[in-house]
Amino acid sequence: MTTHGRSNCTTLPPDETEHTNRSVCEQLKDEREWRVALEVIYGEVWDTSELKRDFNVIGFLAPLVAVRRKDNGEEGTLEFLHHPRFYFSYRSSTKRG
């Protein structure tokens, strides 16, 4: 692309975490290993059946899903992975005053 006679070449630096991310993903091939890793980082983790048990889904826009807790009606968000499908990092949308 040329802008006003100048070449507009943008080169992004390599992502320093890419190799580490790939390495971790290769090590976590088993769904149980994914779940354990997510639990260590985020605490509670839900699979699809557990999500349906505990929440009503209001909407989603990857990587987030808007939910309402069935036990108390509290609304919030969860992050999710596509494969394996796990939901984690619940954050309440309720303002506490």
Foldseek 3Di string as FASTA:
>chain_A
DDDPNHDDDDDDDDDPCPVVVVVVCVVQVDPVSVLVVQCVVFNDKDAPVRCVVFWDWPQDDPQKTWTAGPVPRFIWIWGFDVVVTMTGNTDTPDDDD
